[in-house]
Amino acid sequence: MTKWLLRCTVCGSERVLDVGFNLTAFRGRLYIYCRRCKANREHAVLGYYDDSGRLAPPGDFAGVDIAD
């Protein structure tokens, strides 16, 4: 699983999303529920947390893009 840092493009709140796929396949943006806005909002992918726990830019992700 990879932990990604996302920011709501409406209110600016940030959250960590732990998923098992590459979010860069969504071109850096995706729609998920924002707890502050209380609605589905567009979120920008700011980066992911690498094995050492540091935030890395999404372009550095070397995981599987899309599994067939």
PDB file of N, CA and C in Angstrom:
ATOM      1  N   MET A   1       0.841  -1.178   0.000  1.00  0.00           N
ATOM      2  CA  MET A   1       0.000   0.000   0.000  1.00  0.00           C
ATOM      3  C   MET A   1       0.890   1.247   0.000  1.00  0.00           C
ATOM      4  N   THR A   2       0.406   2.272  -0.642  1.00  0.00           N
ATOM      5  CA  THR A   2       1.135   3.536  -0.731  1.00  0.00           C
ATOM      6  C   THR A   2       0.297   4.642  -0.116  1.00  0.00           C
ATOM      7  N   LYS A   3       0.930   5.474   0.695  1.00  0.00           N
ATOM      8  CA  LYS A   3       0.236   6.599   1.312  1.00  0.00           C
ATOM      9  C   LYS A   3       0.495   7.849   0.475  1.00  0.00           C
ATOM     10  N   TRP A   4      -0.583   8.477   0.026  1.00  0.00           N
ATOM     11  CA  TRP A   4      -0.524   9.663  -0.815  1.00  0.00           C
ATOM     12  C   TRP A   4      -1.050  10.872  -0.043  1.00  0.00           C
ATOM     13  N   LEU A   5      -0.436  12.034  -0.259  1.00  0.00           N
ATOM     14  CA  LEU A   5      -0.907  13.270   0.340  1.00  0.00           C
ATOM     15  C   LEU A   5      -1.742  14.009  -0.694  1.00  0.00           C
ATOM     16  N   LEU A   6      -2.985  14.333  -0.329  1.00  0.00           N
ATOM     17  CA  LEU A   6      -3.921  14.996  -1.224  1.00  0.00           C
ATOM     18  C   LEU A   6      -4.363  16.324  -0.617  1.00  0.00           C
ATOM     19  N   ARG A   7      -4.684  17.290  -1.477  1.00  0.00           N
ATOM     20  CA  ARG A   7      -5.212  18.574  -1.015  1.00  0.00           C
ATOM     21  C   ARG A   7      -6.488  18.888  -1.776  1.00  0.00           C
ATOM     22  N   CYS A   8      -7.541  19.267  -1.035  1.00  0.00           N
ATOM     23  CA  CYS A   8      -8.800  19.669  -1.640  1.00  0.00           C
ATOM     24  C   CYS A   8      -8.583  20.980  -2.387  1.00  0.00           C
ATOM     25  N   THR A   9      -9.029  21.052  -3.624  1.00  0.00           N
ATOM     26  CA  THR A   9      -8.829  22.260  -4.423  1.00  0.00           C
ATOM     27  C   THR A   9      -9.825  23.355  -4.071  1.00  0.00           C
ATOM     28  N   VAL A  10     -10.838  23.035  -3.250  1.00  0.00           N
ATOM     29  CA  VAL A  10     -11.832  24.033  -2.852  1.00  0.00           C
ATOM     30  C   VAL A  10     -11.460  24.674  -1.516  1.00  0.00           C
ATOM     31  N   CYS A  11     -11.270  23.857  -0.466  1.00  0.00           N
ATOM     32  CA  CYS A  11     -11.017  24.408   0.868  1.00  0.00           C
ATOM     33  C   CYS A  11      -9.556  24.346   1.286  1.00  0.00           C
ATOM     34  N   GLY A  12      -8.735  23.561   0.595  1.00  0.00           N
ATOM     35  CA  GLY A  12      -7.310  23.487   0.906  1.00  0.00           C
ATOM     36  C   GLY A  12      -6.936  22.501   1.994  1.00  0.00           C
ATOM     37  N   SER A  13      -7.892  21.751   2.520  1.00  0.00           N
ATOM     38  CA  SER A  13      -7.555  20.778   3.564  1.00  0.00           C
ATOM     39  C   SER A  13      -6.756  19.629   2.956  1.00  0.00           C
ATOM     40  N   GLU A  14      -5.832  19.094   3.745  1.00  0.00           N
ATOM     41  CA  GLU A  14      -4.988  18.001   3.280  1.00  0.00           C
ATOM     42  C   GLU A  14      -5.350  16.728   4.021  1.00  0.00           C
ATOM     43  N   ARG A  15      -5.165  15.603   3.328  1.00  0.00           N
ATOM     44  CA  ARG A  15      -5.413  14.299   3.933  1.00  0.00           C
ATOM     45  C   ARG A  15      -4.499  13.264   3.319  1.00  0.00           C
ATOM     46  N   VAL A  16      -4.298  12.186   4.046  1.00  0.00           N
ATOM     47  CA  VAL A  16      -3.485  11.061   3.581  1.00  0.00           C
ATOM     48  C   VAL A  16      -4.436   9.958   3.154  1.00  0.00           C
ATOM     49  N   LEU A  17      -4.215   9.436   1.957  1.00  0.00           N
ATOM     50  CA  LEU A  17      -5.025   8.353   1.412  1.00  0.00           C
ATOM     51  C   LEU A  17      -4.114   7.154   1.180  1.00  0.00           C
ATOM     52  N   ASP A  18      -4.421   6.037   1.814  1.00  0.00           N
ATOM     53  CA  ASP A  18      -3.621   4.818   1.715  1.00  0.00           C
ATOM     54  C   ASP A  18      -4.314   3.864   0.749  1.00  0.00           C
ATOM     55  N   VAL A  19      -3.772   3.730  -0.456  1.00  0.00           N
ATOM     56  CA  VAL A  19      -4.372   2.880  -1.478  1.00  0.00           C
ATOM     57  C   VAL A  19      -3.316   1.979  -2.114  1.00  0.00           C
ATOM     58  N   GLY A  20      -3.760   0.988  -2.816  1.00  0.00           N
ATOM     59  CA  GLY A  20      -2.857   0.024  -3.428  1.00  0.00           C
ATOM     60  C   GLY A  20      -2.639   0.239  -4.903  1.00  0.00           C
ATOM     61  N   PHE A  21      -2.785   1.468  -5.383  1.00  0.00           N
ATOM     62  CA  PHE A  21      -2.537   1.730  -6.798  1.00  0.00           C
ATOM     63  C   PHE A  21      -1.932   3.110  -6.975  1.00  0.00           C
ATOM     64  N   ASN A  22      -1.444   3.364  -8.177  1.00  0.00           N
ATOM     65  CA  ASN A  22      -0.712   4.581  -8.506  1.00  0.00           C
ATOM     66  C   ASN A  22      -1.692   5.712  -8.842  1.00  0.00           C
ATOM     67  N   LEU A  23      -1.725   6.741  -8.011  1.00  0.00           N
ATOM     68  CA  LEU A  23      -2.638   7.855  -8.257  1.00  0.00           C
ATOM     69  C   LEU A  23      -2.167   8.781  -9.372  1.00  0.00           C
ATOM     70  N   THR A  24      -0.946   8.658  -9.828  1.00  0.00           N
ATOM     71  CA  THR A  24      -0.491   9.492 -10.941  1.00  0.00           C
ATOM     72  C   THR A  24      -1.189   9.094 -12.240  1.00  0.00           C
ATOM     73  N   ALA A  25      -1.802   7.912 -12.273  1.00  0.00           N
ATOM     74  CA  ALA A  25      -2.570   7.494 -13.454  1.00  0.00           C
ATOM     75  C   ALA A  25      -3.797   8.376 -13.659  1.00  0.00           C
ATOM     76  N   PHE A  26      -4.201   9.126 -12.625  1.00  0.00           N
ATOM     77  CA  PHE A  26      -5.335  10.045 -12.718  1.00  0.00           C
ATOM     78  C   PHE A  26      -4.901  11.463 -13.076  1.00  0.00           C
ATOM     79  N   ARG A  27      -3.688  11.619 -13.572  1.00  0.00           N
ATOM     80  CA  ARG A  27      -3.127  12.903 -14.008  1.00  0.00           C
ATOM     81  C   ARG A  27      -3.084  13.944 -12.886  1.00  0.00           C
ATOM     82  N   GLY A  28      -2.826  13.458 -11.666  1.00  0.00           N
ATOM     83  CA  GLY A  28      -2.604  14.365 -10.552  1.00  0.00           C
ATOM     84  C   GLY A  28      -3.842  14.906  -9.872  1.00  0.00           C
ATOM     85  N   ARG A  29      -5.029  14.502 -10.308  1.00  0.00           N
ATOM     86  CA  ARG A  29      -6.268  14.985  -9.693  1.00  0.00           C
ATOM     87  C   ARG A  29      -7.288  13.848  -9.646  1.00  0.00           C
ATOM     88  N   LEU A  30      -8.070  13.830  -8.561  1.00  0.00           N
ATOM     89  CA  LEU A  30      -9.151  12.864  -8.457  1.00  0.00           C
ATOM     90  C   LEU A  30     -10.242  13.412  -7.553  1.00  0.00           C
ATOM     91  N   TYR A  31     -11.427  12.875  -7.698  1.00  0.00           N
ATOM     92  CA  TYR A  31     -12.572  13.303  -6.904  1.00  0.00           C
ATOM     93  C   TYR A  31     -12.808  12.308  -5.778  1.00  0.00           C
ATOM     94  N   ILE A  32     -12.754  12.797  -4.538  1.00  0.00           N
ATOM     95  CA  ILE A  32     -13.084  12.005  -3.365  1.00  0.00           C
ATOM     96  C   ILE A  32     -13.845  12.888  -2.383  1.00  0.00           C
ATOM     97  N   TYR A  33     -14.396  12.294  -1.361  1.00  0.00           N
ATOM     98  CA  TYR A  33     -15.178  13.030  -0.372  1.00  0.00           C
ATOM     99  C   TYR A  33     -14.258  13.880   0.493  1.00  0.00           C
ATOM    100  N   CYS A  34     -14.608  15.162   0.634  1.00  0.00           N
ATOM    101  CA  CYS A  34     -13.867  16.080   1.503  1.00  0.00           C
ATOM    102  C   CYS A  34     -14.662  16.226   2.802  1.00  0.00           C
ATOM    103  N   ARG A  35     -14.006  15.938   3.921  1.00  0.00           N
ATOM    104  CA  ARG A  35     -14.689  16.004   5.218  1.00  0.00           C
ATOM    105  C   ARG A  35     -15.037  17.431   5.610  1.00  0.00           C
ATOM    106  N   ARG A  36     -14.225  18.391   5.205  1.00  0.00           N
ATOM    107  CA  ARG A  36     -14.512  19.780   5.561  1.00  0.00           C
ATOM    108  C   ARG A  36     -15.635  20.349   4.695  1.00  0.00           C
ATOM    109  N   CYS A  37     -15.591  20.104   3.393  1.00  0.00           N
ATOM    110  CA  CYS A  37     -16.635  20.595   2.481  1.00  0.00           C
ATOM    111  C   CYS A  37     -17.926  19.779   2.588  1.00  0.00           C
ATOM    112  N   LYS A  38     -17.794  18.545   3.079  1.00  0.00           N
ATOM    113  CA  LYS A  38     -18.919  17.599   3.169  1.00  0.00           C
ATOM    114  C   LYS A  38     -19.546  17.323   1.797  1.00  0.00           C
ATOM    115  N   ALA A  39     -18.667  17.162   0.811  1.00  0.00           N
ATOM    116  CA  ALA A  39     -19.104  16.852  -0.554  1.00  0.00           C
ATOM    117  C   ALA A  39     -17.940  16.228  -1.316  1.00  0.00           C
ATOM    118  N   ASN A  40     -18.255  15.590  -2.453  1.00  0.00           N
ATOM    119  CA  ASN A  40     -17.202  15.083  -3.323  1.00  0.00           C
ATOM    120  C   ASN A  40     -16.550  16.268  -4.022  1.00  0.00           C
ATOM    121  N   ARG A  41     -15.258  16.417  -3.839  1.00  0.00           N
ATOM    122  CA  ARG A  41     -14.512  17.539  -4.410  1.00  0.00           C
ATOM    123  C   ARG A  41     -13.255  17.037  -5.105  1.00  0.00           C
ATOM    124  N   GLU A  42     -12.749  17.858  -6.009  1.00  0.00           N
ATOM    125  CA  GLU A  42     -11.503  17.538  -6.677  1.00  0.00           C
ATOM    126  C   GLU A  42     -10.346  17.728  -5.703  1.00  0.00           C
ATOM    127  N   HIS A  43      -9.433  16.763  -5.676  1.00  0.00           N
ATOM    128  CA  HIS A  43      -8.241  16.820  -4.836  1.00  0.00           C
ATOM    129  C   HIS A  43      -7.004  16.721  -5.727  1.00  0.00           C
ATOM    130  N   ALA A  44      -5.997  17.493  -5.401  1.00  0.00           N
ATOM    131  CA  ALA A  44      -4.722  17.436  -6.107  1.00  0.00           C
ATOM    132  C   ALA A  44      -3.794  16.470  -5.372  1.00  0.00           C
ATOM    133  N   VAL A  45      -3.051  15.673  -6.132  1.00  0.00           N
ATOM    134  CA  VAL A  45      -2.079  14.747  -5.556  1.00  0.00           C
ATOM    135  C   VAL A  45      -0.789  15.528  -5.342  1.00  0.00           C
ATOM    136  N   LEU A  46      -0.400  15.703  -4.079  1.00  0.00           N
ATOM    137  CA  LEU A  46       0.802  16.470  -3.757  1.00  0.00           C
ATOM    138  C   LEU A  46       2.054  15.607  -3.737  1.00  0.00           C
ATOM    139  N   GLY A  47       1.906  14.328  -3.450  1.00  0.00           N
ATOM    140  CA  GLY A  47       3.059  13.437  -3.394  1.00  0.00           C
ATOM    141  C   GLY A  47       2.702  12.164  -2.654  1.00  0.00           C
ATOM    142  N   TYR A  48       3.725  11.352  -2.410  1.00  0.00           N
ATOM    143  CA  TYR A  48       3.530  10.104  -1.681  1.00  0.00           C
ATOM    144  C   TYR A  48       4.624   9.987  -0.631  1.00  0.00           C
ATOM    145  N   TYR A  49       4.365   9.184   0.378  1.00  0.00           N
ATOM    146  CA  TYR A  49       5.345   8.952   1.428  1.00  0.00           C
ATOM    147  C   TYR A  49       6.169   7.730   1.056  1.00  0.00           C
ATOM    148  N   ASP A  50       7.508   7.913   0.940  1.00  0.00           N
ATOM    149  CA  ASP A  50       8.385   6.806   0.567  1.00  0.00           C
ATOM    150  C   ASP A  50       8.635   5.903   1.770  1.00  0.00           C
ATOM    151  N   ASP A  51       9.487   4.903   1.598  1.00  0.00           N
ATOM    152  CA  ASP A  51       9.732   3.913   2.652  1.00  0.00           C
ATOM    153  C   ASP A  51      10.308   4.522   3.923  1.00  0.00           C
ATOM    154  N   SER A  52      11.024   5.630   3.791  1.00  0.00           N
ATOM    155  CA  SER A  52      11.605   6.273   4.975  1.00  0.00           C
ATOM    156  C   SER A  52      10.627   7.241   5.642  1.00  0.00           C
ATOM    157  N   GLY A  53       9.421   7.395   5.068  1.00  0.00           N
ATOM    158  CA  GLY A  53       8.413   8.257   5.664  1.00  0.00           C
ATOM    159  C   GLY A  53       8.476   9.706   5.216  1.00  0.00           C
ATOM    160  N   ARG A  54       9.343  10.012   4.243  1.00  0.00           N
ATOM    161  CA  ARG A  54       9.441  11.384   3.736  1.00  0.00           C
ATOM    162  C   ARG A  54       8.520  11.566   2.534  1.00  0.00           C
ATOM    163  N   LEU A  55       8.026  12.791   2.372  1.00  0.00           N
ATOM    164  CA  LEU A  55       7.146  13.101   1.248  1.00  0.00           C
ATOM    165  C   LEU A  55       7.971  13.267  -0.023  1.00  0.00           C
ATOM    166  N   ALA A  56       7.584  12.558  -1.075  1.00  0.00           N
ATOM    167  CA  ALA A  56       8.262  12.631  -2.367  1.00  0.00           C
ATOM    168  C   ALA A  56       7.259  13.103  -3.411  1.00  0.00           C
ATOM    169  N   PRO A  57       7.734  13.810  -4.446  1.00  0.00           N
ATOM    170  CA  PRO A  57       6.814  14.263  -5.496  1.00  0.00           C
ATOM    171  C   PRO A  57       6.218  13.075  -6.257  1.00  0.00           C
ATOM    172  N   PRO A  58       5.000  13.239  -6.778  1.00  0.00           N
ATOM    173  CA  PRO A  58       4.345  12.115  -7.456  1.00  0.00           C
ATOM    174  C   PRO A  58       5.095  11.613  -8.679  1.00  0.00           C
ATOM    175  N   GLY A  59       5.886  12.461  -9.326  1.00  0.00           N
ATOM    176  CA  GLY A  59       6.643  12.041 -10.500  1.00  0.00           C
ATOM    177  C   GLY A  59       7.739  11.048 -10.192  1.00  0.00           C
ATOM    178  N   ASP A  60       8.146  10.941  -8.919  1.00  0.00           N
ATOM    179  CA  ASP A  60       9.201  10.004  -8.527  1.00  0.00           C
ATOM    180  C   ASP A  60       8.675   8.610  -8.230  1.00  0.00           C
ATOM    181  N   PHE A  61       7.350   8.419  -8.279  1.00  0.00           N
ATOM    182  CA  PHE A  61       6.771   7.117  -7.930  1.00  0.00           C
ATOM    183  C   PHE A  61       7.173   6.094  -8.970  1.00  0.00           C
ATOM    184  N   ALA A  62       7.708   4.960  -8.503  1.00  0.00           N
ATOM    185  CA  ALA A  62       8.200   3.921  -9.416  1.00  0.00           C
ATOM    186  C   ALA A  62       7.391   2.627  -9.297  1.00  0.00           C
ATOM    187  N   GLY A  63       6.187   2.704  -8.757  1.00  0.00           N
ATOM    188  CA  GLY A  63       5.358   1.514  -8.593  1.00  0.00           C
ATOM    189  C   GLY A  63       4.697   1.116  -9.904  1.00  0.00           C
ATOM    190  N   VAL A  64       3.852   0.117  -9.828  1.00  0.00           N
ATOM    191  CA  VAL A  64       3.122  -0.366 -11.002  1.00  0.00           C
ATOM    192  C   VAL A  64       2.082   0.661 -11.392  1.00  0.00           C
ATOM    193  N   ASP A  65       2.016   1.014 -12.677  1.00  0.00           N
ATOM    194  CA  ASP A  65       1.030   1.984 -13.137  1.00  0.00           C
ATOM    195  C   ASP A  65      -0.363   1.392 -13.118  1.00  0.00           C
ATOM    196  N   ILE A  66      -0.601   0.431 -13.983  1.00  0.00           N
ATOM    197  CA  ILE A  66      -1.904  -0.213 -14.064  1.00  0.00           C
ATOM    198  C   ILE A  66      -1.667  -1.692 -14.310  1.00  0.00           C
ATOM    199  N   ALA A  67      -2.222  -2.520 -13.442  1.00  0.00           N
ATOM    200  CA  ALA A  67      -2.065  -3.964 -13.602  1.00  0.00           C
ATOM    201  C   ALA A  67      -3.181  -4.503 -14.477  1.00  0.00           C
ATOM    202  N   ASP A  68      -2.814  -5.331 -15.426  1.00  0.00           N
ATOM    203  CA  ASP A  68      -3.817  -5.940 -16.313  1.00  0.00           C
ATOM    204  C   ASP A  68      -4.372  -7.197 -15.710  1.00  0.00           C
TER     205      ASP A  68
END
